[in-house]
Amino acid sequence: MPIYTYHCDSCGITFDQRQSFSDEPMKVCPECLEEALHKVYQPVGIVFKGKGFYATDHRSASGTSTVSEKKSSESKSGTSTSTETKSSTPKADTKEK
């Protein structure tokens, strides 16, 4: 069952109430017994974790860097990501017969 937050405009009390979906919303304040009660709607925080989500789905970068940031940091540090291959020349056969 969900928990709803209520606020009374008359006395200013704010409290949480556990109610079923089928229950009617509360209208009478339990403190001042006035009909000045209303639900408080708050934003819901959702965090997507795990594989299958894009990096742009998150609000902040959270430590991830883009490809262009990696290239600029590598060029500043003097390292490169390319691999160098050395070509070896075959040695001539110098065996005496």
C-alpha atoms as a PDB file:
ATOM      1  CA  MET A   1       0.000   0.000   0.000  1.00  0.00           C
ATOM      2  CA  PRO A   2       1.305   3.458  -0.828  1.00  0.00           C
ATOM      3  CA  ILE A   3       2.123   6.175   1.677  1.00  0.00           C
ATOM      4  CA  TYR A   4       0.609   9.589   0.974  1.00  0.00           C
ATOM      5  CA  THR A   5       1.770  12.908   2.416  1.00  0.00           C
ATOM      6  CA  TYR A   6      -0.964  15.263   3.626  1.00  0.00           C
ATOM      7  CA  HIS A   7      -0.788  18.936   4.640  1.00  0.00           C
ATOM      8  CA  CYS A   8      -3.362  20.950   6.591  1.00  0.00           C
ATOM      9  CA  ASP A   9      -3.858  24.542   5.478  1.00  0.00           C
ATOM     10  CA  SER A  10      -5.506  25.434   8.779  1.00  0.00           C
ATOM     11  CA  CYS A  11      -2.939  24.314  11.378  1.00  0.00           C
ATOM     12  CA  GLY A  12       0.068  23.667   9.080  1.00  0.00           C
ATOM     13  CA  ILE A  13       0.703  20.068  10.102  1.00  0.00           C
ATOM     14  CA  THR A  14       2.276  17.733   7.534  1.00  0.00           C
ATOM     15  CA  PHE A  15       2.077  13.969   7.999  1.00  0.00           C
ATOM     16  CA  ASP A  16       2.245  10.680   6.113  1.00  0.00           C
ATOM     17  CA  GLN A  17      -0.667   8.255   5.906  1.00  0.00           C
ATOM     18  CA  ARG A  18      -0.611   4.688   4.599  1.00  0.00           C
ATOM     19  CA  GLN A  19      -3.695   4.113   2.464  1.00  0.00           C
ATOM     20  CA  SER A  20      -4.952   1.692  -0.127  1.00  0.00           C
ATOM     21  CA  PHE A  21      -5.554   2.807  -3.702  1.00  0.00           C
ATOM     22  CA  SER A  22      -9.266   2.271  -3.250  1.00  0.00           C
ATOM     23  CA  ASP A  23      -9.504   4.421  -0.061  1.00  0.00           C
ATOM     24  CA  GLU A  24     -10.956   7.922  -0.311  1.00  0.00           C
ATOM     25  CA  PRO A  25      -8.464  10.743   0.297  1.00  0.00           C
ATOM     26  CA  MET A  26      -8.508  12.230   3.785  1.00  0.00           C
ATOM     27  CA  LYS A  27     -10.272  15.594   4.107  1.00  0.00           C
ATOM     28  CA  VAL A  28     -10.443  16.219   7.871  1.00  0.00           C
ATOM     29  CA  CYS A  29      -7.243  17.078   9.756  1.00  0.00           C
ATOM     30  CA  PRO A  30      -6.631  14.744  12.741  1.00  0.00           C
ATOM     31  CA  GLU A  31      -5.135  17.633  14.788  1.00  0.00           C
ATOM     32  CA  CYS A  32      -7.523  20.586  14.336  1.00  0.00           C
ATOM     33  CA  LEU A  33     -10.522  18.659  12.906  1.00  0.00           C
ATOM     34  CA  GLU A  34     -10.944  21.188  10.074  1.00  0.00           C
ATOM     35  CA  GLU A  35     -11.650  20.241   6.451  1.00  0.00           C
ATOM     36  CA  ALA A  36      -8.479  21.889   5.166  1.00  0.00           C
ATOM     37  CA  LEU A  37      -6.443  18.775   4.338  1.00  0.00           C
ATOM     38  CA  HIS A  38      -4.916  18.055   0.930  1.00  0.00           C
ATOM     39  CA  LYS A  39      -2.397  15.639  -0.554  1.00  0.00           C
ATOM     40  CA  VAL A  40       1.140  16.849  -1.180  1.00  0.00           C
ATOM     41  CA  TYR A  41       2.557  15.652  -4.481  1.00  0.00           C
ATOM     42  CA  GLN A  42       6.321  15.276  -4.472  1.00  0.00           C
ATOM     43  CA  PRO A  43       8.685  14.474  -7.347  1.00  0.00           C
ATOM     44  CA  VAL A  44       9.767  10.875  -7.570  1.00  0.00           C
ATOM     45  CA  GLY A  45      13.472  10.178  -7.851  1.00  0.00           C
ATOM     46  CA  ILE A  46      14.287   7.398 -10.293  1.00  0.00           C
ATOM     47  CA  VAL A  47      17.792   6.051 -10.765  1.00  0.00           C
ATOM     48  CA  PHE A  48      18.553   3.753 -13.695  1.00  0.00           C
ATOM     49  CA  LYS A  49      21.381   1.378 -12.861  1.00  0.00           C
ATOM     50  CA  GLY A  50      22.857  -1.513 -14.731  1.00  0.00           C
ATOM     51  CA  LYS A  51      23.507  -2.365 -18.331  1.00  0.00           C
ATOM     52  CA  GLY A  52      21.222  -1.244 -21.101  1.00  0.00           C
ATOM     53  CA  PHE A  53      20.887   2.449 -20.284  1.00  0.00           C
ATOM     54  CA  TYR A  54      22.440   5.298 -22.220  1.00  0.00           C
ATOM     55  CA  ALA A  55      24.917   7.646 -20.559  1.00  0.00           C
ATOM     56  CA  THR A  56      22.640  10.561 -21.443  1.00  0.00           C
ATOM     57  CA  ASP A  57      19.849   9.101 -19.305  1.00  0.00           C
ATOM     58  CA  HIS A  58      21.606  10.260 -16.139  1.00  0.00           C
ATOM     59  CA  ARG A  59      21.358  13.758 -14.740  1.00  0.00           C
ATOM     60  CA  SER A  60      25.119  14.177 -14.230  1.00  0.00           C
ATOM     61  CA  ALA A  61      28.228  12.695 -15.801  1.00  0.00           C
ATOM     62  CA  SER A  62      29.003  10.766 -12.588  1.00  0.00           C
ATOM     63  CA  GLY A  63      32.587  10.068 -13.465  1.00  0.00           C
ATOM     64  CA  THR A  64      32.135   8.945 -17.033  1.00  0.00           C
ATOM     65  CA  SER A  65      33.917  10.788 -19.780  1.00  0.00           C
ATOM     66  CA  THR A  66      33.228  11.032 -23.463  1.00  0.00           C
ATOM     67  CA  VAL A  67      35.564   9.978 -26.255  1.00  0.00           C
ATOM     68  CA  SER A  68      36.620  13.570 -26.998  1.00  0.00           C
ATOM     69  CA  GLU A  69      37.518  14.121 -23.331  1.00  0.00           C
ATOM     70  CA  LYS A  70      39.660  10.980 -23.357  1.00  0.00           C
ATOM     71  CA  LYS A  71      41.509  12.089 -26.492  1.00  0.00           C
ATOM     72  CA  SER A  72      42.232  15.535 -25.090  1.00  0.00           C
ATOM     73  CA  SER A  73      43.508  14.116 -21.789  1.00  0.00           C
ATOM     74  CA  GLU A  74      45.735  11.608 -23.611  1.00  0.00           C
ATOM     75  CA  SER A  75      47.216  14.253 -25.871  1.00  0.00           C
ATOM     76  CA  LYS A  76      48.030  16.394 -22.817  1.00  0.00           C
ATOM     77  CA  SER A  77      49.725  13.526 -20.999  1.00  0.00           C
ATOM     78  CA  GLY A  78      51.713  12.458 -24.055  1.00  0.00           C
ATOM     79  CA  THR A  79      50.357   8.944 -24.284  1.00  0.00           C
ATOM     80  CA  SER A  80      48.764   7.500 -27.341  1.00  0.00           C
ATOM     81  CA  THR A  81      46.360   4.671 -27.779  1.00  0.00           C
ATOM     82  CA  SER A  82      47.656   3.503 -31.127  1.00  0.00           C
ATOM     83  CA  THR A  83      49.739   0.377 -31.114  1.00  0.00           C
ATOM     84  CA  GLU A  84      53.010   0.348 -32.935  1.00  0.00           C
ATOM     85  CA  THR A  85      54.107  -2.766 -34.752  1.00  0.00           C
ATOM     86  CA  LYS A  86      57.713  -3.347 -35.611  1.00  0.00           C
ATOM     87  CA  SER A  87      58.343  -4.975 -38.915  1.00  0.00           C
ATOM     88  CA  SER A  88      61.026  -7.568 -38.765  1.00  0.00           C
ATOM     89  CA  THR A  89      63.131  -8.210 -41.811  1.00  0.00           C
ATOM     90  CA  PRO A  90      63.936 -11.814 -42.524  1.00  0.00           C
ATOM     91  CA  LYS A  91      67.614 -12.605 -42.015  1.00  0.00           C
ATOM     92  CA  ALA A  92      69.556 -13.828 -44.968  1.00  0.00           C
ATOM     93  CA  ASP A  93      70.601 -17.443 -44.928  1.00  0.00           C
ATOM     94  CA  THR A  94      74.305 -17.360 -44.077  1.00  0.00           C
ATOM     95  CA  LYS A  95      74.967 -21.054 -43.726  1.00  0.00           C
ATOM     96  CA  GLU A  96      78.065 -22.321 -45.417  1.00  0.00           C
ATOM     97  CA  LYS A  97      77.859 -25.391 -47.571  1.00  0.00           C
END
